[in-house]
Structures are given as structure tokens and as C-alpha cells.
Amino acid sequence: MTTIKISTDLRDRLAEVAAEYGGATLADTLQHLIDEHEEQAALAAYDRLRADSAEWASYLEESRLADNAAGDWLRGEESR
């Protein structure tokens, strides 16, 4: 555990958000906000990828191949 220095105004704003999360701790609230930020960044990256139809098709094909490879052991069990 460590401490960080933030302005009183920022601490108060974070506390207001924490209250909206049912009285979560400031640390939990900050973690939630960071998680939301990272999720939005990932979704934006998918949107950029989807905007290029060739790249999106390549991604989908690669995903399909990875899914098939990951499930190979299942097919092996069925044939025994």
C-alpha cells in the first residue's frame, strides 16, 4: 500500500463518485474508473480495427483459427 498526493478538490470529486458506487472506498472507486477506462480503450481499438474491412476480416479469421486450435484437444477426446 502507498499514498498519493492529490488536490482536495480531486479527492472530493472522487468521494462523490464513490458515493454513487454505494459508498465504495476511494481506492475501489479509482480501480473501477481505471477498469472502465481500459475497457473503453479496448473497445475503441476494436472500432478502429473494424473500420478497416480487410484488417477486420483478417482478425476474424485469425480468431477463428485460434479458437479451432484451442478446441483441438476436445475433438481428440471425442474420437477416443
Protein backbone atom coordinates (compact mmCIF):
# COMPACT_ATOMS: atom_id res chain seq x y z
CA MET A 1 0.00 0.00 0.00
CA THR A 2 1.18 3.52 -0.72
CA THR A 3 -0.14 7.05 -0.62
CA ILE A 4 -0.59 9.54 -3.41
CA LYS A 5 -0.88 13.30 -3.29
CA ILE A 6 -3.96 14.73 -4.95
CA SER A 7 -5.69 18.04 -4.54
CA THR A 8 -8.51 18.36 -2.05
CA ASP A 9 -10.87 19.16 -4.91
CA LEU A 10 -9.93 15.97 -6.74
CA ARG A 11 -10.30 13.92 -3.55
CA ASP A 12 -13.75 15.41 -3.03
CA ARG A 13 -14.77 14.65 -6.61
CA LEU A 14 -13.55 11.07 -6.20
CA ALA A 15 -15.54 10.80 -2.96
CA GLU A 16 -18.67 11.94 -4.82
CA VAL A 17 -18.17 9.20 -7.39
CA ALA A 18 -17.54 6.70 -4.57
CA ALA A 19 -20.87 7.68 -3.04
CA GLU A 20 -22.55 6.92 -6.39
CA TYR A 21 -20.96 3.46 -6.20
CA GLY A 22 -22.74 2.81 -2.93
CA GLY A 23 -20.08 4.22 -0.64
CA ALA A 24 -17.15 2.32 -2.13
CA THR A 25 -13.70 3.18 -0.86
CA LEU A 26 -11.74 5.76 -2.82
CA ALA A 27 -9.27 3.04 -3.83
CA ASP A 28 -12.06 0.77 -5.12
CA THR A 29 -13.62 3.71 -6.93
CA LEU A 30 -10.34 4.61 -8.58
CA GLN A 31 -9.84 0.96 -9.58
CA HIS A 32 -13.34 0.91 -11.09
CA LEU A 33 -12.67 4.10 -13.05
CA ILE A 34 -9.37 2.73 -14.37
CA ASP A 35 -11.07 -0.55 -15.35
CA GLU A 36 -13.76 1.41 -17.21
CA HIS A 37 -11.09 3.48 -18.97
CA GLU A 38 -9.18 0.37 -20.06
CA GLU A 39 -12.38 -1.29 -21.30
CA GLN A 40 -13.27 1.80 -23.33
CA ALA A 41 -9.76 1.89 -24.80
CA ALA A 42 -10.06 -1.75 -25.86
CA LEU A 43 -13.48 -1.16 -27.41
CA ALA A 44 -12.11 1.87 -29.28
CA ALA A 45 -9.26 -0.28 -30.61
CA TYR A 46 -11.79 -2.82 -31.90
CA ASP A 47 -13.75 0.01 -33.53
CA ARG A 48 -10.60 1.21 -35.30
CA LEU A 49 -9.85 -2.33 -36.44
CA ARG A 50 -13.44 -2.84 -37.59
CA ALA A 51 -13.22 0.36 -39.67
CA ASP A 52 -10.71 -1.37 -41.98
CA SER A 53 -12.67 -4.21 -43.55
CA ALA A 54 -9.56 -6.12 -44.70
CA GLU A 55 -7.93 -5.92 -41.27
CA TRP A 56 -11.19 -6.86 -39.55
CA ALA A 57 -11.61 -9.91 -41.82
CA SER A 58 -8.01 -10.91 -41.07
CA TYR A 59 -8.64 -10.54 -37.34
CA LEU A 60 -11.79 -12.65 -37.51
CA GLU A 61 -10.01 -15.37 -39.47
CA GLU A 62 -7.11 -15.40 -37.02
CA SER A 63 -9.57 -15.58 -34.12
CA ARG A 64 -11.37 -18.49 -35.77
CA LEU A 65 -8.09 -20.34 -36.24
CA ALA A 66 -7.09 -19.73 -32.62
CA ASP A 67 -10.49 -20.92 -31.40
CA ASN A 68 -10.19 -24.05 -33.50
CA ALA A 69 -6.68 -24.74 -32.24
CA ALA A 70 -7.73 -24.18 -28.64
CA GLY A 71 -10.54 -26.71 -29.07
CA ASP A 72 -8.42 -29.38 -30.77
CA TRP A 73 -7.99 -31.31 -27.55
CA LEU A 74 -11.79 -31.58 -27.29
CA ARG A 75 -12.07 -33.21 -30.68
CA GLY A 76 -9.27 -35.58 -29.68
CA GLU A 77 -11.24 -36.72 -26.65
CA GLU A 78 -14.35 -37.39 -28.74
CA SER A 79 -12.51 -39.72 -31.08
CA ARG A 80 -11.17 -41.96 -28.29
